[in-house]
Amino acid sequence: MINLGLSDKLANMLKIRLQRIGKRGQAYFRVSVVEHTTRPKGKYLELLGSYDPHKNEINVKGERVKYWISKGAKMSPTVNNLLVGRKIIEGEKVQVWKAKKKPASAEATAGEGKPVETIGQPVAN
């Protein structure tokens, strides 16, 4: 075990997240433990594995993931869903994003109300 001298306060600020690497159009991701305030491509505390979305394969050190979770590190929703889907960790998948509700358009609400009169022609009821 690596003793990084993490205090409880720092352990609560850790995240297991994806870091994008690779060229444009050839995405490849690292699964790493970072402090939650660091830049997305910044330094990481430990590299836990990698994820290739083109081949749909993930290589992760399962024991180290469980260790960091036991120390209080939180997972990003995407990492959680990847690890739960591959049965690396136990748990339920998390909703990553919510679809925005489309507001009722002005045309749809105008047509529901009273019929519109045209000049010179009576309204047919």
C-alpha atoms as a PDB file:
ATOM      1  CA  MET A   1       0.000   0.000   0.000  1.00  0.00           C
ATOM      2  CA  ILE A   2       1.149   3.474  -0.817  1.00  0.00           C
ATOM      3  CA  ASN A   3       0.816   5.886   2.065  1.00  0.00           C
ATOM      4  CA  LEU A   4       0.345   9.313   0.551  1.00  0.00           C
ATOM      5  CA  GLY A   5      -0.375  10.900   3.916  1.00  0.00           C
ATOM      6  CA  LEU A   6      -3.857  11.899   2.832  1.00  0.00           C
ATOM      7  CA  SER A   7      -5.923  13.647   5.424  1.00  0.00           C
ATOM      8  CA  ASP A   8      -9.655  13.006   5.641  1.00  0.00           C
ATOM      9  CA  LYS A   9     -10.329  16.444   4.184  1.00  0.00           C
ATOM     10  CA  LEU A  10      -8.233  15.748   1.086  1.00  0.00           C
ATOM     11  CA  ALA A  11      -9.710  12.277   0.643  1.00  0.00           C
ATOM     12  CA  ASN A  12     -13.177  13.806   0.419  1.00  0.00           C
ATOM     13  CA  MET A  13     -11.986  16.006  -2.431  1.00  0.00           C
ATOM     14  CA  LEU A  14     -10.705  13.204  -4.638  1.00  0.00           C
ATOM     15  CA  LYS A  15     -12.397  12.037  -7.815  1.00  0.00           C
ATOM     16  CA  ILE A  16     -11.900   9.061 -10.066  1.00  0.00           C
ATOM     17  CA  ARG A  17     -12.450  10.470 -13.532  1.00  0.00           C
ATOM     18  CA  LEU A  18     -11.525  10.169 -17.188  1.00  0.00           C
ATOM     19  CA  GLN A  19      -8.752  12.256 -18.725  1.00  0.00           C
ATOM     20  CA  ARG A  20      -8.861  12.545 -22.502  1.00  0.00           C
ATOM     21  CA  ILE A  21      -5.667  11.773 -24.372  1.00  0.00           C
ATOM     22  CA  GLY A  22      -5.045  10.957 -28.016  1.00  0.00           C
ATOM     23  CA  LYS A  23      -5.282  12.885 -31.246  1.00  0.00           C
ATOM     24  CA  ARG A  24      -8.310  14.657 -32.654  1.00  0.00           C
ATOM     25  CA  GLY A  25     -10.810  12.060 -33.779  1.00  0.00           C
ATOM     26  CA  GLN A  26      -8.943   9.295 -31.930  1.00  0.00           C
ATOM     27  CA  ALA A  27     -10.127   9.695 -28.366  1.00  0.00           C
ATOM     28  CA  TYR A  28      -8.484   7.601 -25.691  1.00  0.00           C
ATOM     29  CA  PHE A  29      -8.977   8.067 -21.961  1.00  0.00           C
ATOM     30  CA  ARG A  30      -7.024   7.545 -18.755  1.00  0.00           C
ATOM     31  CA  VAL A  31      -8.865   6.485 -15.630  1.00  0.00           C
ATOM     32  CA  SER A  32      -7.125   8.399 -12.869  1.00  0.00           C
ATOM     33  CA  VAL A  33      -7.477   9.679  -9.326  1.00  0.00           C
ATOM     34  CA  VAL A  34      -7.278  13.466  -9.190  1.00  0.00           C
ATOM     35  CA  GLU A  35      -8.114  16.221  -6.792  1.00  0.00           C
ATOM     36  CA  HIS A  36     -11.513  17.564  -7.805  1.00  0.00           C
ATOM     37  CA  THR A  37     -10.219  21.103  -8.415  1.00  0.00           C
ATOM     38  CA  THR A  38      -7.417  20.198 -10.844  1.00  0.00           C
ATOM     39  CA  ARG A  39      -7.563  20.862 -14.565  1.00  0.00           C
ATOM     40  CA  PRO A  40      -8.944  18.020 -16.688  1.00  0.00           C
ATOM     41  CA  LYS A  41      -5.512  17.421 -18.239  1.00  0.00           C
ATOM     42  CA  GLY A  42      -3.579  18.228 -15.069  1.00  0.00           C
ATOM     43  CA  LYS A  43      -1.547  16.054 -12.730  1.00  0.00           C
ATOM     44  CA  TYR A  44      -3.062  12.940 -11.234  1.00  0.00           C
ATOM     45  CA  LEU A  45      -2.329  11.108  -7.993  1.00  0.00           C
ATOM     46  CA  GLU A  46      -2.511   7.629  -9.485  1.00  0.00           C
ATOM     47  CA  LEU A  47      -3.182   6.147 -12.886  1.00  0.00           C
ATOM     48  CA  LEU A  48      -5.780   3.395 -12.484  1.00  0.00           C
ATOM     49  CA  GLY A  49      -6.155   2.296 -16.083  1.00  0.00           C
ATOM     50  CA  SER A  50      -7.333   3.273 -19.537  1.00  0.00           C
ATOM     51  CA  TYR A  51     -10.470   3.243 -21.685  1.00  0.00           C
ATOM     52  CA  ASP A  52     -10.624   2.919 -25.464  1.00  0.00           C
ATOM     53  CA  PRO A  53     -14.106   3.895 -26.702  1.00  0.00           C
ATOM     54  CA  HIS A  54     -13.343   2.767 -30.280  1.00  0.00           C
ATOM     55  CA  LYS A  55     -12.677  -0.825 -29.227  1.00  0.00           C
ATOM     56  CA  ASN A  56     -15.030  -0.485 -26.243  1.00  0.00           C
ATOM     57  CA  GLU A  57     -12.467  -1.953 -23.863  1.00  0.00           C
ATOM     58  CA  ILE A  58     -11.426  -0.784 -20.429  1.00  0.00           C
ATOM     59  CA  ASN A  59      -8.294  -1.855 -18.549  1.00  0.00           C
ATOM     60  CA  VAL A  60      -8.511  -0.916 -14.878  1.00  0.00           C
ATOM     61  CA  LYS A  61      -6.786  -2.006 -11.682  1.00  0.00           C
ATOM     62  CA  GLY A  62      -9.904  -3.128  -9.820  1.00  0.00           C
ATOM     63  CA  GLU A  63      -8.236  -3.455  -6.431  1.00  0.00           C
ATOM     64  CA  ARG A  64      -6.847   0.080  -6.600  1.00  0.00           C
ATOM     65  CA  VAL A  65     -10.261   1.470  -7.586  1.00  0.00           C
ATOM     66  CA  LYS A  66     -11.808  -0.204  -4.556  1.00  0.00           C
ATOM     67  CA  TYR A  67      -8.974   1.118  -2.378  1.00  0.00           C
ATOM     68  CA  TRP A  68      -9.560   4.725  -3.449  1.00  0.00           C
ATOM     69  CA  ILE A  69     -13.315   4.384  -3.010  1.00  0.00           C
ATOM     70  CA  SER A  70     -12.698   3.083   0.520  1.00  0.00           C
ATOM     71  CA  LYS A  71     -10.547   6.170   1.176  1.00  0.00           C
ATOM     72  CA  GLY A  72     -13.502   8.401   0.214  1.00  0.00           C
ATOM     73  CA  ALA A  73     -12.822   9.196  -3.445  1.00  0.00           C
ATOM     74  CA  LYS A  74     -15.945   9.884  -5.488  1.00  0.00           C
ATOM     75  CA  MET A  75     -16.389   8.636  -9.043  1.00  0.00           C
ATOM     76  CA  SER A  76     -17.611  10.664 -11.962  1.00  0.00           C
ATOM     77  CA  PRO A  77     -20.934   9.356 -13.322  1.00  0.00           C
ATOM     78  CA  THR A  78     -19.323   8.148 -16.559  1.00  0.00           C
ATOM     79  CA  VAL A  79     -16.598   6.199 -14.757  1.00  0.00           C
ATOM     80  CA  ASN A  80     -19.200   4.744 -12.393  1.00  0.00           C
ATOM     81  CA  ASN A  81     -21.322   3.518 -15.304  1.00  0.00           C
ATOM     82  CA  LEU A  82     -18.301   2.039 -17.112  1.00  0.00           C
ATOM     83  CA  LEU A  83     -17.106   0.129 -14.051  1.00  0.00           C
ATOM     84  CA  VAL A  84     -20.570  -1.077 -13.030  1.00  0.00           C
ATOM     85  CA  GLY A  85     -21.333  -2.149 -16.608  1.00  0.00           C
ATOM     86  CA  ARG A  86     -18.144  -4.241 -16.744  1.00  0.00           C
ATOM     87  CA  LYS A  87     -18.829  -5.637 -13.226  1.00  0.00           C
ATOM     88  CA  ILE A  88     -15.548  -4.259 -11.865  1.00  0.00           C
ATOM     89  CA  ILE A  89     -17.447  -2.722  -8.951  1.00  0.00           C
ATOM     90  CA  GLU A  90     -20.874  -3.425  -7.494  1.00  0.00           C
ATOM     91  CA  GLY A  91     -23.617  -0.833  -7.581  1.00  0.00           C
ATOM     92  CA  GLU A  92     -26.167   0.827  -9.791  1.00  0.00           C
ATOM     93  CA  LYS A  93     -25.644   2.969 -12.835  1.00  0.00           C
ATOM     94  CA  VAL A  94     -26.149   6.712 -12.462  1.00  0.00           C
ATOM     95  CA  GLN A  95     -27.965   8.971 -14.886  1.00  0.00           C
ATOM     96  CA  VAL A  96     -25.209  10.985 -16.546  1.00  0.00           C
ATOM     97  CA  TRP A  97     -27.317  13.701 -18.133  1.00  0.00           C
ATOM     98  CA  LYS A  98     -30.918  14.782 -18.284  1.00  0.00           C
ATOM     99  CA  ALA A  99     -32.625  15.734 -21.508  1.00  0.00           C
ATOM    100  CA  LYS A 100     -33.850  19.295 -21.433  1.00  0.00           C
ATOM    101  CA  LYS A 101     -37.587  19.719 -21.525  1.00  0.00           C
ATOM    102  CA  LYS A 102     -38.669  21.488 -24.674  1.00  0.00           C
ATOM    103  CA  PRO A 103     -40.703  24.598 -23.849  1.00  0.00           C
ATOM    104  CA  ALA A 104     -44.076  24.847 -25.521  1.00  0.00           C
ATOM    105  CA  SER A 105     -43.503  26.753 -28.725  1.00  0.00           C
ATOM    106  CA  ALA A 106     -45.441  29.949 -29.437  1.00  0.00           C
ATOM    107  CA  GLU A 107     -47.099  28.419 -32.519  1.00  0.00           C
ATOM    108  CA  ALA A 108     -48.467  25.443 -30.617  1.00  0.00           C
ATOM    109  CA  THR A 109     -49.997  27.601 -27.885  1.00  0.00           C
ATOM    110  CA  ALA A 110     -51.461  30.111 -30.370  1.00  0.00           C
ATOM    111  CA  GLY A 111     -53.307  27.378 -32.294  1.00  0.00           C
ATOM    112  CA  GLU A 112     -54.929  25.921 -29.177  1.00  0.00           C
ATOM    113  CA  GLY A 113     -56.740  29.073 -28.129  1.00  0.00           C
ATOM    114  CA  LYS A 114     -59.373  31.040 -29.995  1.00  0.00           C
ATOM    115  CA  PRO A 115     -59.570  30.864 -33.784  1.00  0.00           C
ATOM    116  CA  VAL A 116     -57.865  33.718 -35.544  1.00  0.00           C
ATOM    117  CA  GLU A 117     -60.096  36.013 -37.635  1.00  0.00           C
ATOM    118  CA  THR A 118     -58.964  37.179 -40.998  1.00  0.00           C
ATOM    119  CA  ILE A 119     -60.061  40.557 -42.271  1.00  0.00           C
ATOM    120  CA  GLY A 120     -63.170  40.422 -44.410  1.00  0.00           C
ATOM    121  CA  GLN A 121     -63.969  36.778 -43.763  1.00  0.00           C
ATOM    122  CA  PRO A 122     -66.228  35.569 -40.960  1.00  0.00           C
ATOM    123  CA  VAL A 123     -65.024  32.955 -38.543  1.00  0.00           C
ATOM    124  CA  ALA A 124     -66.582  29.535 -39.125  1.00  0.00           C
ATOM    125  CA  ASN A 125     -67.642  27.814 -35.900  1.00  0.00           C
END
